[in-house]
N, C-alpha and C. Protein backbone atom coordinates (compact mmCIF):
# COMPACT_ATOMS: atom_id res chain seq x y z
N MET A 1 125.48 82.92 115.76
CA MET A 1 125.16 81.57 116.17
C MET A 1 125.40 81.45 117.67
N GLY A 2 124.50 80.79 118.36
CA GLY A 2 124.61 80.62 119.80
C GLY A 2 125.02 79.21 120.15
N TYR A 3 124.62 78.81 121.34
CA TYR A 3 124.93 77.48 121.84
C TYR A 3 123.64 76.74 122.12
N ILE A 4 123.63 75.44 121.90
CA ILE A 4 122.45 74.62 122.11
C ILE A 4 122.48 74.11 123.56
N THR A 5 121.40 74.35 124.28
CA THR A 5 121.27 73.81 125.63
C THR A 5 120.01 72.96 125.70
N ILE A 6 120.02 72.00 126.62
CA ILE A 6 118.88 71.11 126.80
C ILE A 6 118.57 71.01 128.30
N PRO A 7 117.31 70.73 128.63
CA PRO A 7 116.99 70.52 130.05
C PRO A 7 117.49 69.16 130.50
N LEU A 8 117.97 69.10 131.73
CA LEU A 8 118.44 67.85 132.32
C LEU A 8 117.56 67.49 133.50
N ILE A 9 117.26 66.20 133.62
CA ILE A 9 116.40 65.74 134.71
C ILE A 9 117.04 64.55 135.41
N GLY A 10 116.63 64.30 136.62
CA GLY A 10 117.03 63.09 137.34
C GLY A 10 118.40 63.18 137.96
N LYS A 11 118.81 62.06 138.54
CA LYS A 11 120.06 61.98 139.30
C LYS A 11 121.30 61.98 138.41
N LEU A 12 121.20 61.55 137.15
CA LEU A 12 122.41 61.41 136.33
C LEU A 12 123.18 62.70 136.08
N PRO A 13 122.72 63.81 135.73
CA PRO A 13 121.44 64.16 135.15
C PRO A 13 121.38 63.76 133.67
N ALA A 14 120.19 63.44 133.21
CA ALA A 14 119.99 62.97 131.84
C ALA A 14 119.13 63.96 131.05
N PRO A 15 119.26 63.96 129.72
CA PRO A 15 118.43 64.85 128.91
C PRO A 15 116.94 64.62 129.17
N GLY A 16 116.20 65.72 129.24
CA GLY A 16 114.77 65.65 129.51
C GLY A 16 113.93 65.63 128.25
N VAL A 17 114.55 65.57 127.08
CA VAL A 17 113.82 65.57 125.82
C VAL A 17 114.41 64.53 124.88
N GLU A 18 113.56 63.99 124.02
CA GLU A 18 114.03 63.02 123.02
C GLU A 18 114.49 63.75 121.76
N GLY A 19 115.41 63.14 121.03
CA GLY A 19 115.86 63.68 119.75
C GLY A 19 116.85 64.83 119.87
N TRP A 20 117.31 65.12 121.09
CA TRP A 20 118.19 66.26 121.29
C TRP A 20 119.54 66.10 120.58
N GLY A 21 119.98 64.86 120.35
CA GLY A 21 121.27 64.64 119.70
C GLY A 21 121.33 65.23 118.30
N ASN A 22 120.20 65.26 117.60
CA ASN A 22 120.16 65.85 116.25
C ASN A 22 120.39 67.36 116.28
N TRP A 23 120.07 67.97 117.40
CA TRP A 23 120.21 69.43 117.50
C TRP A 23 121.66 69.87 117.46
N ALA A 24 122.60 68.96 117.77
CA ALA A 24 124.02 69.29 117.70
C ALA A 24 124.41 69.66 116.28
N LEU A 25 123.73 69.09 115.30
CA LEU A 25 124.01 69.38 113.89
C LEU A 25 123.06 70.41 113.30
N ASP A 26 121.78 70.29 113.64
CA ASP A 26 120.75 71.09 112.97
C ASP A 26 120.27 72.30 113.74
N GLY A 27 120.63 72.43 115.00
CA GLY A 27 120.09 73.51 115.82
C GLY A 27 118.78 73.08 116.45
N ILE A 28 118.33 73.87 117.40
CA ILE A 28 117.12 73.55 118.14
C ILE A 28 115.93 74.31 117.56
N PRO A 29 114.82 73.63 117.33
CA PRO A 29 113.64 74.32 116.80
C PRO A 29 113.14 75.38 117.79
N GLU A 30 112.72 76.53 117.29
CA GLU A 30 112.25 77.62 118.15
C GLU A 30 111.10 77.18 119.05
N SER A 31 110.24 76.28 118.55
CA SER A 31 109.12 75.80 119.37
C SER A 31 109.61 75.06 120.61
N GLU A 32 110.74 74.38 120.49
CA GLU A 32 111.30 73.67 121.64
C GLU A 32 111.85 74.65 122.67
N VAL A 33 112.48 75.72 122.21
CA VAL A 33 113.02 76.73 123.12
C VAL A 33 111.88 77.29 123.98
N GLU A 34 110.78 77.65 123.34
CA GLU A 34 109.63 78.19 124.07
C GLU A 34 109.07 77.17 125.05
N ARG A 35 109.01 75.91 124.64
CA ARG A 35 108.49 74.86 125.52
C ARG A 35 109.41 74.65 126.72
N PHE A 36 110.73 74.69 126.51
CA PHE A 36 111.68 74.53 127.61
C PHE A 36 111.47 75.60 128.66
N GLU A 37 111.32 76.85 128.20
CA GLU A 37 111.18 77.96 129.15
C GLU A 37 109.96 77.78 130.04
N LYS A 38 108.90 77.18 129.51
CA LYS A 38 107.67 76.98 130.27
C LYS A 38 107.70 75.70 131.09
N SER A 39 108.31 74.65 130.57
CA SER A 39 108.21 73.32 131.18
C SER A 39 109.36 72.94 132.11
N TYR A 40 110.49 73.62 132.01
CA TYR A 40 111.67 73.21 132.76
C TYR A 40 112.27 74.39 133.54
N PRO A 41 111.64 74.82 134.63
CA PRO A 41 112.19 75.94 135.41
C PRO A 41 113.54 75.58 136.03
N LEU A 42 114.44 76.56 136.06
CA LEU A 42 115.81 76.31 136.53
C LEU A 42 115.89 75.88 137.98
N ASP A 43 114.87 76.20 138.78
CA ASP A 43 114.94 75.80 140.18
C ASP A 43 114.65 74.31 140.37
N ARG A 44 114.21 73.62 139.30
CA ARG A 44 113.91 72.19 139.42
C ARG A 44 114.62 71.31 138.40
N PHE A 45 115.25 71.91 137.40
CA PHE A 45 115.91 71.16 136.34
C PHE A 45 117.30 71.73 136.07
N GLY A 46 118.18 70.89 135.51
CA GLY A 46 119.51 71.34 135.15
C GLY A 46 119.59 71.76 133.70
N ILE A 47 120.78 72.18 133.30
CA ILE A 47 121.02 72.62 131.92
C ILE A 47 122.20 71.83 131.38
N GLY A 48 122.05 71.32 130.15
CA GLY A 48 123.14 70.64 129.46
C GLY A 48 123.59 71.46 128.27
N LEU A 49 124.89 71.62 128.09
CA LEU A 49 125.45 72.29 126.92
C LEU A 49 125.81 71.21 125.91
N VAL A 50 125.22 71.30 124.72
CA VAL A 50 125.41 70.30 123.66
C VAL A 50 126.59 70.71 122.78
N ALA A 51 127.51 69.77 122.56
CA ALA A 51 128.65 70.02 121.68
C ALA A 51 128.25 69.77 120.23
N GLY A 52 128.92 70.46 119.31
CA GLY A 52 128.69 70.20 117.90
C GLY A 52 128.58 71.45 117.05
N PRO A 53 128.38 71.27 115.74
CA PRO A 53 128.32 72.39 114.81
C PRO A 53 127.27 73.44 115.14
N ALA A 54 126.10 73.05 115.62
CA ALA A 54 125.06 74.02 115.92
C ALA A 54 125.37 74.84 117.17
N SER A 55 126.34 74.41 117.96
CA SER A 55 126.80 75.15 119.14
C SER A 55 128.16 75.79 118.86
N ASN A 56 128.22 76.56 117.77
CA ASN A 56 129.47 77.22 117.39
C ASN A 56 130.63 76.23 117.22
N ASN A 57 130.30 75.01 116.85
CA ASN A 57 131.30 73.97 116.62
C ASN A 57 132.18 73.73 117.85
N ILE A 58 131.56 73.76 119.01
CA ILE A 58 132.28 73.61 120.26
C ILE A 58 132.56 72.13 120.54
N LEU A 59 133.72 71.86 121.12
CA LEU A 59 134.00 70.54 121.68
C LEU A 59 134.32 70.77 123.15
N LEU A 60 134.05 69.77 123.95
CA LEU A 60 134.18 69.89 125.40
C LEU A 60 135.15 68.83 125.89
N VAL A 61 136.19 69.24 126.60
CA VAL A 61 137.16 68.29 127.15
C VAL A 61 136.85 68.16 128.64
N ASP A 62 136.38 66.97 129.01
CA ASP A 62 135.92 66.68 130.37
C ASP A 62 137.01 65.91 131.10
N THR A 63 137.60 66.52 132.12
CA THR A 63 138.66 65.91 132.91
C THR A 63 138.11 65.53 134.27
N ASP A 64 138.07 64.24 134.55
CA ASP A 64 137.59 63.75 135.85
C ASP A 64 138.79 63.35 136.69
N SER A 65 139.32 64.31 137.43
CA SER A 65 140.46 64.05 138.30
C SER A 65 140.65 65.24 139.21
N VAL A 66 141.23 65.01 140.38
CA VAL A 66 141.65 66.11 141.24
C VAL A 66 143.17 66.28 141.18
N ASP A 67 143.83 65.41 140.43
CA ASP A 67 145.29 65.43 140.28
C ASP A 67 145.67 66.52 139.27
N LEU A 68 146.45 67.52 139.70
CA LEU A 68 146.84 68.61 138.80
C LEU A 68 147.63 68.10 137.60
N GLU A 69 148.38 67.01 137.75
CA GLU A 69 149.13 66.44 136.62
C GLU A 69 148.16 66.03 135.50
N VAL A 70 147.03 65.44 135.87
CA VAL A 70 146.03 65.03 134.88
C VAL A 70 145.32 66.26 134.33
N ILE A 71 144.88 67.15 135.19
CA ILE A 71 144.15 68.35 134.76
C ILE A 71 145.00 69.17 133.79
N ASN A 72 146.30 69.29 134.07
CA ASN A 72 147.17 70.11 133.23
C ASN A 72 147.56 69.46 131.91
N LEU A 73 147.12 68.22 131.67
CA LEU A 73 147.32 67.61 130.35
C LEU A 73 146.48 68.31 129.28
N VAL A 74 145.41 68.97 129.71
CA VAL A 74 144.51 69.68 128.79
C VAL A 74 144.92 71.15 128.74
N PRO A 75 145.08 71.72 127.54
CA PRO A 75 145.47 73.14 127.45
C PRO A 75 144.45 74.05 128.14
N PRO A 76 144.89 75.23 128.57
CA PRO A 76 143.96 76.17 129.20
C PRO A 76 142.91 76.65 128.21
N SER A 77 141.80 77.08 128.74
CA SER A 77 140.69 77.63 127.96
C SER A 77 140.20 78.87 128.69
N PRO A 78 139.66 79.86 127.98
CA PRO A 78 139.19 81.06 128.67
C PRO A 78 138.03 80.81 129.64
N LEU A 79 137.35 79.69 129.46
CA LEU A 79 136.21 79.35 130.31
C LEU A 79 136.40 77.93 130.82
N GLU A 80 135.96 77.69 132.03
CA GLU A 80 136.13 76.36 132.62
C GLU A 80 134.95 76.08 133.54
N ARG A 81 134.33 74.90 133.38
CA ARG A 81 133.27 74.49 134.29
C ARG A 81 133.87 73.61 135.36
N ILE A 82 133.61 73.96 136.62
CA ILE A 82 134.15 73.22 137.76
C ILE A 82 133.05 72.35 138.35
N GLY A 83 133.38 71.10 138.62
CA GLY A 83 132.43 70.18 139.23
C GLY A 83 133.01 69.58 140.49
N LEU A 84 132.55 68.39 140.85
CA LEU A 84 133.00 67.73 142.05
C LEU A 84 134.51 67.43 141.99
N ARG A 85 134.96 66.87 140.84
CA ARG A 85 136.38 66.64 140.63
C ARG A 85 136.68 67.02 139.19
N GLY A 86 137.74 67.71 139.00
CA GLY A 86 138.15 68.06 137.66
C GLY A 86 137.36 69.22 137.08
N ASN A 87 137.31 69.25 135.74
CA ASN A 87 136.69 70.38 135.05
C ASN A 87 136.28 70.00 133.64
N VAL A 88 135.60 70.93 132.99
CA VAL A 88 135.31 70.82 131.56
C VAL A 88 135.81 72.10 130.92
N ARG A 89 136.62 71.95 129.88
CA ARG A 89 137.13 73.11 129.15
C ARG A 89 136.59 73.06 127.72
N PRO A 90 135.91 74.14 127.29
CA PRO A 90 135.41 74.19 125.92
C PRO A 90 136.47 74.71 124.95
N PHE A 91 136.44 74.18 123.73
CA PHE A 91 137.34 74.62 122.66
C PHE A 91 136.58 74.65 121.35
N LYS A 92 137.07 75.44 120.40
CA LYS A 92 136.52 75.45 119.04
C LYS A 92 137.03 74.20 118.33
N ASN A 93 136.11 73.43 117.74
CA ASN A 93 136.47 72.20 117.03
C ASN A 93 136.80 72.56 115.59
N THR A 94 138.08 72.76 115.30
CA THR A 94 138.50 73.16 113.96
C THR A 94 138.90 71.97 113.09
N GLU A 95 139.00 70.79 113.68
CA GLU A 95 139.47 69.62 112.94
C GLU A 95 138.37 68.59 112.70
N GLU A 96 137.12 68.95 113.02
CA GLU A 96 136.00 68.00 112.92
C GLU A 96 136.32 66.72 113.67
N LEU A 97 136.80 66.89 114.89
CA LEU A 97 137.12 65.75 115.73
C LEU A 97 135.85 65.02 116.12
N GLU A 98 136.00 63.76 116.44
CA GLU A 98 134.88 62.96 116.93
C GLU A 98 135.10 62.69 118.41
N SER A 99 134.01 62.38 119.10
CA SER A 99 134.10 62.10 120.52
C SER A 99 135.01 60.90 120.75
N SER A 100 135.68 60.91 121.87
CA SER A 100 136.62 59.83 122.19
C SER A 100 136.08 58.96 123.31
N THR A 101 136.64 57.78 123.38
CA THR A 101 136.40 56.99 124.58
C THR A 101 137.27 57.60 125.66
N PRO A 102 136.87 57.50 126.91
CA PRO A 102 137.66 58.11 127.97
C PRO A 102 139.09 57.60 127.98
N PHE A 103 140.03 58.49 128.23
CA PHE A 103 141.45 58.18 128.31
C PHE A 103 141.83 58.10 129.77
N SER A 104 142.46 57.03 130.18
CA SER A 104 142.94 56.89 131.55
C SER A 104 144.45 56.69 131.51
N ARG A 105 145.14 57.21 132.51
CA ARG A 105 146.60 57.08 132.56
C ARG A 105 147.00 55.64 132.81
N PRO A 106 147.78 55.04 131.92
CA PRO A 106 148.26 53.68 132.18
C PRO A 106 149.41 53.70 133.17
N ASN A 107 149.68 52.57 133.76
CA ASN A 107 150.82 52.38 134.66
C ASN A 107 150.81 53.30 135.87
N LYS A 108 149.66 53.76 136.26
CA LYS A 108 149.52 54.53 137.51
C LYS A 108 148.61 53.70 138.40
N ASN A 109 148.77 53.82 139.67
CA ASN A 109 147.90 53.11 140.59
C ASN A 109 146.60 53.89 140.76
N LEU A 110 145.76 53.83 139.74
CA LEU A 110 144.50 54.56 139.76
C LEU A 110 143.48 53.83 140.61
N ALA A 111 142.69 54.62 141.31
CA ALA A 111 141.58 54.03 142.06
C ALA A 111 140.52 53.56 141.07
N ILE A 112 139.86 52.48 141.40
CA ILE A 112 138.81 51.91 140.56
C ILE A 112 137.50 51.97 141.36
N ASP A 113 136.44 52.44 140.71
CA ASP A 113 135.15 52.49 141.41
C ASP A 113 134.52 51.10 141.42
N PRO A 114 133.40 50.92 142.12
CA PRO A 114 132.79 49.58 142.24
C PRO A 114 132.41 48.93 140.91
N THR A 115 132.24 49.73 139.84
CA THR A 115 131.88 49.15 138.54
C THR A 115 133.11 48.77 137.73
N GLY A 116 134.31 49.03 138.26
CA GLY A 116 135.53 48.71 137.53
C GLY A 116 136.04 49.84 136.67
N LYS A 117 135.39 51.00 136.72
CA LYS A 117 135.80 52.15 135.91
C LYS A 117 136.89 52.95 136.64
N PRO A 118 137.96 53.37 135.92
CA PRO A 118 138.97 54.21 136.55
C PRO A 118 138.33 55.51 137.06
N THR A 119 138.83 56.02 138.17
CA THR A 119 138.27 57.23 138.73
C THR A 119 138.91 58.50 138.18
N GLU A 120 139.86 58.35 137.27
CA GLU A 120 140.47 59.48 136.58
C GLU A 120 140.40 59.23 135.08
N GLU A 121 139.95 60.24 134.34
CA GLU A 121 139.93 60.09 132.89
C GLU A 121 139.76 61.45 132.23
N ILE A 122 140.10 61.49 130.95
CA ILE A 122 139.89 62.67 130.12
C ILE A 122 139.07 62.21 128.94
N GLU A 123 138.00 62.92 128.66
CA GLU A 123 137.10 62.55 127.57
C GLU A 123 136.84 63.76 126.69
N VAL A 124 136.96 63.58 125.37
CA VAL A 124 136.64 64.64 124.41
C VAL A 124 135.20 64.43 123.97
N ARG A 125 134.37 65.43 124.19
CA ARG A 125 132.95 65.34 123.83
C ARG A 125 132.68 66.27 122.66
N CYS A 126 132.29 65.67 121.54
CA CYS A 126 131.98 66.43 120.32
C CYS A 126 130.50 66.26 119.99
N SER A 127 130.16 66.35 118.74
CA SER A 127 128.76 66.33 118.29
C SER A 127 127.94 65.23 118.94
N GLY A 128 126.79 65.63 119.46
CA GLY A 128 125.85 64.67 120.00
C GLY A 128 126.07 64.31 121.46
N LEU A 129 127.03 64.95 122.12
CA LEU A 129 127.24 64.73 123.54
C LEU A 129 127.06 66.06 124.27
N TYR A 130 126.92 66.00 125.57
CA TYR A 130 126.66 67.22 126.36
C TYR A 130 127.39 67.14 127.69
N VAL A 131 127.46 68.28 128.37
CA VAL A 131 127.91 68.33 129.76
C VAL A 131 126.93 69.20 130.53
N ALA A 132 126.77 68.90 131.80
CA ALA A 132 125.95 69.74 132.67
C ALA A 132 126.70 71.04 132.95
N ILE A 133 125.97 72.16 132.95
CA ILE A 133 126.58 73.46 133.22
C ILE A 133 125.83 74.17 134.34
N PRO A 134 126.46 75.20 134.93
CA PRO A 134 125.78 75.96 135.99
C PRO A 134 124.46 76.53 135.49
N PRO A 135 123.46 76.56 136.34
CA PRO A 135 123.43 76.30 137.78
C PRO A 135 123.02 74.88 138.15
N THR A 136 123.23 73.91 137.25
CA THR A 136 122.87 72.51 137.53
C THR A 136 123.55 72.04 138.81
N ILE A 137 122.83 71.24 139.58
CA ILE A 137 123.34 70.69 140.83
C ILE A 137 124.04 69.35 140.55
N HIS A 138 125.25 69.19 141.07
CA HIS A 138 125.98 67.93 140.89
C HIS A 138 125.21 66.83 141.63
N PRO A 139 124.99 65.68 140.98
CA PRO A 139 124.15 64.63 141.58
C PRO A 139 124.72 63.99 142.84
N ASP A 140 126.04 63.96 142.98
CA ASP A 140 126.64 63.31 144.16
C ASP A 140 126.91 64.28 145.30
N SER A 141 127.35 65.49 144.97
CA SER A 141 127.73 66.44 146.03
C SER A 141 126.58 67.32 146.48
N GLY A 142 125.57 67.51 145.61
CA GLY A 142 124.49 68.43 145.94
C GLY A 142 124.89 69.89 145.80
N ILE A 143 126.07 70.14 145.24
CA ILE A 143 126.59 71.50 145.04
C ILE A 143 126.48 71.85 143.56
N ALA A 144 126.13 73.10 143.29
CA ALA A 144 125.99 73.55 141.89
C ALA A 144 127.34 73.59 141.19
N TYR A 145 127.34 73.18 139.92
CA TYR A 145 128.51 73.39 139.08
C TYR A 145 128.74 74.91 139.03
N ARG A 146 129.99 75.31 138.75
CA ARG A 146 130.27 76.74 138.66
C ARG A 146 131.26 77.01 137.52
N TRP A 147 131.27 78.26 137.07
CA TRP A 147 132.22 78.70 136.05
C TRP A 147 133.46 79.27 136.72
N LYS A 148 134.58 79.10 136.09
CA LYS A 148 135.83 79.72 136.56
C LYS A 148 136.36 80.60 135.45
């Protein structure tokens, strides 16, 4: 069993195909894989790794922080995706966990962005969610995500 990936488009980056959330459970149809290879060249589109049973039951812990105290709240993983701030660490989902709402540290003087969202958080992404992976370009920095 492999991992489910999807093409990402736009500034967010957002999934470039409809119905991709079902692939987390059922896998991706072979016809879609062939279409992706022809329609979404890597030099113009990003790649999203989909969490869930069809992706070896992977869950993704997304830490948005540059503070080592926050980053170290998440156990180490053999693989780590590095972005503008923080990282994503993949783990095997052995407990059938569900995705969480982002966790922010209470009672800390956290910076708040213009929308009122804390600038530090930890989010568990399970079935039906994705993260951008290398060589996708980060939308704010213009720098490619990388593996560590």
